[in-house]
PDB file of N, CA and C in Angstrom:
ATOM      1  N   MET A   1      48.553  31.916 -26.654  1.00  0.00           N
ATOM      2  CA  MET A   1      47.869  32.610 -27.458  1.00  0.00           C
ATOM      3  C   MET A   1      47.556  33.949 -26.885  1.00  0.00           C
ATOM      4  N   LYS A   2      47.035  34.147 -25.684  1.00  0.00           N
ATOM      5  CA  LYS A   2      46.908  35.338 -25.079  1.00  0.00           C
ATOM      6  C   LYS A   2      47.913  36.370 -24.818  1.00  0.00           C
ATOM      7  N   ARG A   3      49.149  35.761 -24.725  1.00  0.00           N
ATOM      8  CA  ARG A   3      50.464  36.692 -24.657  1.00  0.00           C
ATOM      9  C   ARG A   3      50.666  37.071 -26.082  1.00  0.00           C
ATOM     10  N   ILE A   4      50.853  35.966 -27.019  1.00  0.00           N
ATOM     11  CA  ILE A   4      50.847  36.408 -28.314  1.00  0.00           C
ATOM     12  C   ILE A   4      49.814  37.597 -28.596  1.00  0.00           C
ATOM     13  N   LEU A   5      48.756  37.415 -28.749  1.00  0.00           N
ATOM     14  CA  LEU A   5      47.807  38.458 -29.404  1.00  0.00           C
ATOM     15  C   LEU A   5      47.281  39.277 -28.149  1.00  0.00           C
ATOM     16  N   SER A   6      48.068  39.799 -27.115  1.00  0.00           N
ATOM     17  CA  SER A   6      48.168  41.033 -26.033  1.00  0.00           C
ATOM     18  C   SER A   6      48.114  42.265 -26.773  1.00  0.00           C
ATOM     19  N   ASP A   7      48.775  42.463 -27.759  1.00  0.00           N
ATOM     20  CA  ASP A   7      48.828  43.861 -28.328  1.00  0.00           C
ATOM     21  C   ASP A   7      47.596  44.072 -29.387  1.00  0.00           C
ATOM     22  N   LYS A   8      46.970  42.928 -29.830  1.00  0.00           N
ATOM     23  CA  LYS A   8      45.983  43.098 -30.782  1.00  0.00           C
ATOM     24  C   LYS A   8      44.603  43.307 -30.250  1.00  0.00           C
ATOM     25  N   PRO A   9      43.725  43.812 -30.877  1.00  0.00           N
ATOM     26  CA  PRO A   9      42.370  44.373 -30.515  1.00  0.00           C
ATOM     27  C   PRO A   9      41.633  43.247 -30.619  1.00  0.00           C
ATOM     28  N   ILE A  10      40.596  43.330 -29.622  1.00  0.00           N
ATOM     29  CA  ILE A  10      39.649  42.054 -29.896  1.00  0.00           C
ATOM     30  C   ILE A  10      38.630  42.216 -30.708  1.00  0.00           C
ATOM     31  N   ARG A  11      38.263  41.296 -31.545  1.00  0.00           N
ATOM     32  CA  ARG A  11      37.294  41.232 -32.704  1.00  0.00           C
ATOM     33  C   ARG A  11      36.322  40.602 -32.325  1.00  0.00           C
ATOM     34  N   VAL A  12      35.064  41.201 -32.461  1.00  0.00           N
ATOM     35  CA  VAL A  12      33.764  40.455 -32.517  1.00  0.00           C
ATOM     36  C   VAL A  12      33.580  39.227 -33.491  1.00  0.00           C
ATOM     37  N   PHE A  13      33.432  38.193 -33.350  1.00  0.00           N
ATOM     38  CA  PHE A  13      33.067  37.318 -34.362  1.00  0.00           C
ATOM     39  C   PHE A  13      31.719  37.124 -34.906  1.00  0.00           C
ATOM     40  N   HIS A  14      31.465  37.849 -36.096  1.00  0.00           N
ATOM     41  CA  HIS A  14      29.924  37.542 -36.836  1.00  0.00           C
ATOM     42  C   HIS A  14      29.824  36.520 -37.178  1.00  0.00           C
ATOM     43  N   VAL A  15      28.692  35.954 -37.108  1.00  0.00           N
ATOM     44  CA  VAL A  15      28.245  34.586 -37.392  1.00  0.00           C
ATOM     45  C   VAL A  15      27.724  34.985 -38.780  1.00  0.00           C
ATOM     46  N   PRO A  16      28.192  34.175 -40.131  1.00  0.00           N
ATOM     47  CA  PRO A  16      27.783  33.825 -41.158  1.00  0.00           C
ATOM     48  C   PRO A  16      26.281  33.869 -41.666  1.00  0.00           C
ATOM     49  N   GLU A  17      25.825  34.330 -42.671  1.00  0.00           N
ATOM     50  CA  GLU A  17      24.575  34.182 -42.994  1.00  0.00           C
ATOM     51  C   GLU A  17      24.272  32.769 -43.077  1.00  0.00           C
ATOM     52  N   GLY A  18      23.192  32.468 -42.708  1.00  0.00           N
ATOM     53  CA  GLY A  18      22.954  30.689 -42.904  1.00  0.00           C
ATOM     54  C   GLY A  18      22.969  30.034 -41.918  1.00  0.00           C
ATOM     55  N   ILE A  19      23.620  30.518 -40.813  1.00  0.00           N
ATOM     56  CA  ILE A  19      24.396  29.644 -39.598  1.00  0.00           C
ATOM     57  C   ILE A  19      23.537  29.971 -38.634  1.00  0.00           C
ATOM     58  N   VAL A  20      22.958  29.161 -37.760  1.00  0.00           N
ATOM     59  CA  VAL A  20      22.147  29.122 -36.405  1.00  0.00           C
ATOM     60  C   VAL A  20      22.552  28.288 -35.494  1.00  0.00           C
ATOM     61  N   PHE A  21      22.193  28.593 -34.461  1.00  0.00           N
ATOM     62  CA  PHE A  21      22.646  27.858 -33.185  1.00  0.00           C
ATOM     63  C   PHE A  21      21.439  27.007 -31.958  1.00  0.00           C
ATOM     64  N   SER A  22      21.686  26.239 -31.986  1.00  0.00           N
ATOM     65  CA  SER A  22      20.736  25.369 -30.920  1.00  0.00           C
ATOM     66  C   SER A  22      21.188  24.604 -30.143  1.00  0.00           C
ATOM     67  N   LYS A  23      20.714  24.573 -28.908  1.00  0.00           N
ATOM     68  CA  LYS A  23      20.978  23.786 -27.791  1.00  0.00           C
ATOM     69  C   LYS A  23      20.936  22.512 -27.838  1.00  0.00           C
ATOM     70  N   ILE A  24      21.839  21.358 -27.822  1.00  0.00           N
ATOM     71  CA  ILE A  24      21.498  20.100 -27.918  1.00  0.00           C
ATOM     72  C   ILE A  24      22.160  19.229 -27.072  1.00  0.00           C
ATOM     73  N   ASP A  25      21.569  18.019 -26.647  1.00  0.00           N
ATOM     74  CA  ASP A  25      22.139  16.983 -25.795  1.00  0.00           C
ATOM     75  C   ASP A  25      23.430  16.452 -26.328  1.00  0.00           C
ATOM     76  N   ALA A  26      24.688  16.971 -25.618  1.00  0.00           N
ATOM     77  CA  ALA A  26      26.078  16.599 -26.181  1.00  0.00           C
ATOM     78  C   ALA A  26      26.300  14.941 -26.258  1.00  0.00           C
ATOM     79  N   ASP A  27      25.638  14.278 -25.414  1.00  0.00           N
ATOM     80  CA  ASP A  27      25.829  12.926 -25.748  1.00  0.00           C
ATOM     81  C   ASP A  27      25.076  12.161 -26.631  1.00  0.00           C
ATOM     82  N   THR A  28      23.886  12.571 -27.346  1.00  0.00           N
ATOM     83  CA  THR A  28      23.263  11.964 -28.305  1.00  0.00           C
ATOM     84  C   THR A  28      23.043  13.044 -29.390  1.00  0.00           C
ATOM     85  N   GLY A  29      23.425  14.320 -29.533  1.00  0.00           N
ATOM     86  CA  GLY A  29      23.315  15.210 -30.811  1.00  0.00           C
ATOM     87  C   GLY A  29      22.221  15.285 -30.772  1.00  0.00           C
ATOM     88  N   LEU A  30      21.170  14.944 -30.164  1.00  0.00           N
ATOM     89  CA  LEU A  30      19.781  15.448 -30.852  1.00  0.00           C
ATOM     90  C   LEU A  30      19.379  16.608 -29.564  1.00  0.00           C
ATOM     91  N   LEU A  31      17.890  17.300 -29.980  1.00  0.00           N
ATOM     92  CA  LEU A  31      17.122  18.156 -29.115  1.00  0.00           C
ATOM     93  C   LEU A  31      17.201  17.771 -27.634  1.00  0.00           C
ATOM     94  N   PRO A  32      17.749  18.316 -26.575  1.00  0.00           N
ATOM     95  CA  PRO A  32      17.662  18.140 -24.905  1.00  0.00           C
ATOM     96  C   PRO A  32      16.259  17.803 -24.968  1.00  0.00           C
ATOM     97  N   ILE A  33      15.910  17.122 -23.630  1.00  0.00           N
ATOM     98  CA  ILE A  33      14.778  16.965 -22.860  1.00  0.00           C
ATOM     99  C   ILE A  33      15.295  17.349 -21.542  1.00  0.00           C
ATOM    100  N   PRO A  34      14.212  17.547 -20.415  1.00  0.00           N
ATOM    101  CA  PRO A  34      14.511  18.171 -19.286  1.00  0.00           C
ATOM    102  C   PRO A  34      15.607  17.286 -18.547  1.00  0.00           C
ATOM    103  N   GLU A  35      15.804  15.602 -18.803  1.00  0.00           N
ATOM    104  CA  GLU A  35      16.669  15.205 -18.417  1.00  0.00           C
ATOM    105  C   GLU A  35      17.908  15.130 -18.740  1.00  0.00           C
ATOM    106  N   SER A  36      18.244  15.639 -19.538  1.00  0.00           N
ATOM    107  CA  SER A  36      19.611  15.965 -20.511  1.00  0.00           C
ATOM    108  C   SER A  36      20.615  16.586 -19.577  1.00  0.00           C
ATOM    109  N   GLU A  37      21.487  15.902 -19.060  1.00  0.00           N
ATOM    110  CA  GLU A  37      22.756  16.308 -17.944  1.00  0.00           C
ATOM    111  C   GLU A  37      23.685  17.132 -18.766  1.00  0.00           C
ATOM    112  N   ASN A  38      23.659  16.747 -19.924  1.00  0.00           N
ATOM    113  CA  ASN A  38      25.056  17.612 -20.759  1.00  0.00           C
ATOM    114  C   ASN A  38      24.734  18.153 -22.070  1.00  0.00           C
ATOM    115  N   THR A  39      24.486  19.302 -21.888  1.00  0.00           N
ATOM    116  CA  THR A  39      24.161  20.193 -23.289  1.00  0.00           C
ATOM    117  C   THR A  39      24.608  20.984 -23.711  1.00  0.00           C
ATOM    118  N   ILE A  40      25.092  21.357 -24.932  1.00  0.00           N
ATOM    119  CA  ILE A  40      25.968  22.395 -25.426  1.00  0.00           C
ATOM    120  C   ILE A  40      25.126  23.350 -26.639  1.00  0.00           C
ATOM    121  N   PHE A  41      25.733  24.305 -26.795  1.00  0.00           N
ATOM    122  CA  PHE A  41      24.861  24.971 -27.837  1.00  0.00           C
ATOM    123  C   PHE A  41      25.981  24.990 -29.221  1.00  0.00           C
ATOM    124  N   GLU A  42      25.060  24.882 -30.365  1.00  0.00           N
ATOM    125  CA  GLU A  42      26.038  24.049 -31.316  1.00  0.00           C
ATOM    126  C   GLU A  42      25.716  24.655 -32.582  1.00  0.00           C
ATOM    127  N   CYS A  43      26.424  24.926 -33.530  1.00  0.00           N
ATOM    128  CA  CYS A  43      25.875  25.838 -34.803  1.00  0.00           C
ATOM    129  C   CYS A  43      25.739  24.591 -35.794  1.00  0.00           C
ATOM    130  N   PHE A  44      24.825  25.344 -36.275  1.00  0.00           N
ATOM    131  CA  PHE A  44      24.530  24.470 -37.659  1.00  0.00           C
ATOM    132  C   PHE A  44      24.109  25.277 -39.257  1.00  0.00           C
ATOM    133  N   LYS A  45      24.144  24.585 -40.231  1.00  0.00           N
ATOM    134  CA  LYS A  45      23.736  25.305 -41.400  1.00  0.00           C
ATOM    135  C   LYS A  45      22.371  25.218 -40.953  1.00  0.00           C
ATOM    136  N   ASP A  46      21.510  26.477 -41.501  1.00  0.00           N
ATOM    137  CA  ASP A  46      20.331  26.963 -41.386  1.00  0.00           C
ATOM    138  C   ASP A  46      19.587  25.294 -41.991  1.00  0.00           C
ATOM    139  N   GLY A  47      18.591  25.007 -41.420  1.00  0.00           N
ATOM    140  CA  GLY A  47      17.534  23.869 -41.865  1.00  0.00           C
ATOM    141  C   GLY A  47      18.086  22.510 -41.574  1.00  0.00           C
ATOM    142  N   THR A  48      19.601  22.448 -40.901  1.00  0.00           N
ATOM    143  CA  THR A  48      19.891  20.967 -40.600  1.00  0.00           C
ATOM    144  C   THR A  48      19.852  20.785 -39.165  1.00  0.00           C
ATOM    145  N   VAL A  49      19.009  21.652 -38.162  1.00  0.00           N
ATOM    146  CA  VAL A  49      19.171  21.251 -37.086  1.00  0.00           C
ATOM    147  C   VAL A  49      18.150  20.106 -36.822  1.00  0.00           C
ATOM    148  N   PRO A  50      18.892  19.553 -35.601  1.00  0.00           N
ATOM    149  CA  PRO A  50      17.912  18.218 -35.135  1.00  0.00           C
ATOM    150  C   PRO A  50      16.667  18.505 -35.102  1.00  0.00           C
ATOM    151  N   THR A  51      15.730  17.469 -35.188  1.00  0.00           N
ATOM    152  CA  THR A  51      14.306  17.702 -34.989  1.00  0.00           C
ATOM    153  C   THR A  51      13.936  16.634 -34.178  1.00  0.00           C
ATOM    154  N   GLU A  52      14.411  15.730 -33.910  1.00  0.00           N
ATOM    155  CA  GLU A  52      14.064  14.845 -32.821  1.00  0.00           C
ATOM    156  C   GLU A  52      14.648  14.808 -31.260  1.00  0.00           C
ATOM    157  N   TYR A  53      14.074  14.652 -30.590  1.00  0.00           N
ATOM    158  CA  TYR A  53      14.644  14.819 -29.093  1.00  0.00           C
ATOM    159  C   TYR A  53      15.158  13.367 -28.631  1.00  0.00           C
ATOM    160  N   THR A  54      15.869  13.802 -27.601  1.00  0.00           N
ATOM    161  CA  THR A  54      16.749  12.939 -26.682  1.00  0.00           C
ATOM    162  C   THR A  54      15.487  11.970 -25.988  1.00  0.00           C
ATOM    163  N   LYS A  55      15.547  10.424 -26.337  1.00  0.00           N
ATOM    164  CA  LYS A  55      15.000   9.504 -25.744  1.00  0.00           C
ATOM    165  C   LYS A  55      15.203   9.654 -24.463  1.00  0.00           C
ATOM    166  N   LYS A  56      14.270   9.669 -23.600  1.00  0.00           N
ATOM    167  CA  LYS A  56      13.887   9.555 -22.221  1.00  0.00           C
ATOM    168  C   LYS A  56      14.704   8.330 -21.432  1.00  0.00           C
ATOM    169  N   PRO A  57      15.470   8.422 -20.654  1.00  0.00           N
ATOM    170  CA  PRO A  57      16.311   7.239 -20.230  1.00  0.00           C
ATOM    171  C   PRO A  57      15.463   5.850 -19.721  1.00  0.00           C
ATOM    172  N   ASP A  58      14.549   6.239 -19.131  1.00  0.00           N
ATOM    173  CA  ASP A  58      13.823   4.875 -19.131  1.00  0.00           C
ATOM    174  C   ASP A  58      12.771   4.420 -20.070  1.00  0.00           C
ATOM    175  N   MET A  59      12.694   5.302 -21.407  1.00  0.00           N
ATOM    176  CA  MET A  59      11.334   5.089 -22.614  1.00  0.00           C
ATOM    177  C   MET A  59      12.388   3.678 -23.415  1.00  0.00           C
ATOM    178  N   LEU A  60      11.254   2.715 -23.512  1.00  0.00           N
ATOM    179  CA  LEU A  60      11.690   1.475 -24.322  1.00  0.00           C
ATOM    180  C   LEU A  60      11.285   2.030 -25.674  1.00  0.00           C
ATOM    181  N   THR A  61      12.451   1.446 -26.806  1.00  0.00           N
ATOM    182  CA  THR A  61      12.314   2.157 -28.350  1.00  0.00           C
ATOM    183  C   THR A  61      11.964   0.984 -28.792  1.00  0.00           C
ATOM    184  N   GLU A  62      12.166   0.039 -28.605  1.00  0.00           N
ATOM    185  CA  GLU A  62      12.312  -1.672 -29.623  1.00  0.00           C
ATOM    186  C   GLU A  62      11.474  -2.458 -28.751  1.00  0.00           C
ATOM    187  N   PRO A  63      10.500  -3.168 -29.638  1.00  0.00           N
ATOM    188  CA  PRO A  63       9.577  -3.826 -29.418  1.00  0.00           C
ATOM    189  C   PRO A  63      10.370  -4.956 -28.425  1.00  0.00           C
ATOM    190  N   GLU A  64      11.539  -5.377 -28.881  1.00  0.00           N
ATOM    191  CA  GLU A  64      12.289  -6.555 -27.937  1.00  0.00           C
ATOM    192  C   GLU A  64      12.898  -5.935 -26.604  1.00  0.00           C
ATOM    193  N   GLU A  65      12.763  -4.726 -26.421  1.00  0.00           N
ATOM    194  CA  GLU A  65      13.267  -4.204 -25.018  1.00  0.00           C
ATOM    195  C   GLU A  65      12.082  -4.439 -24.229  1.00  0.00           C
ATOM    196  N   PHE A  66      10.871  -4.117 -24.542  1.00  0.00           N
ATOM    197  CA  PHE A  66       9.740  -4.433 -24.058  1.00  0.00           C
ATOM    198  C   PHE A  66       9.594  -5.622 -23.222  1.00  0.00           C
ATOM    199  N   PHE A  67       9.492  -6.587 -24.120  1.00  0.00           N
ATOM    200  CA  PHE A  67       9.271  -8.098 -23.902  1.00  0.00           C
ATOM    201  C   PHE A  67      10.883  -8.461 -22.863  1.00  0.00           C
ATOM    202  N   LYS A  68      11.742  -7.954 -22.892  1.00  0.00           N
ATOM    203  CA  LYS A  68      12.826  -8.243 -21.957  1.00  0.00           C
ATOM    204  C   LYS A  68      13.048  -7.707 -20.742  1.00  0.00           C
ATOM    205  N   SER A  69      12.061  -6.430 -20.550  1.00  0.00           N
ATOM    206  CA  SER A  69      12.422  -5.281 -19.614  1.00  0.00           C
ATOM    207  C   SER A  69      12.041  -6.036 -18.400  1.00  0.00           C
ATOM    208  N   ASP A  70      11.126  -7.062 -17.765  1.00  0.00           N
ATOM    209  CA  ASP A  70      10.824  -7.491 -16.975  1.00  0.00           C
ATOM    210  C   ASP A  70      11.374  -8.853 -16.705  1.00  0.00           C
ATOM    211  N   LEU A  71      12.541  -9.222 -16.986  1.00  0.00           N
ATOM    212  CA  LEU A  71      13.449 -10.252 -16.965  1.00  0.00           C
ATOM    213  C   LEU A  71      14.152 -10.194 -15.486  1.00  0.00           C
TER     214      LEU A  71
END
């Protein structure tokens, strides 16, 4: 594509109205935490950005996990 478009002027992409960017955890699709190793900037329709954060790796989320954690 670089060769084909080499004689064309570079155009700046204008973000459409109502589109926002947010950094997310690429592995979970949720907001990143300091422990998140793989993060990316992703675009979203305004109002659809994730509101939950990625769970910490050592965090137990289900009661069953708590009772099994010492096995």
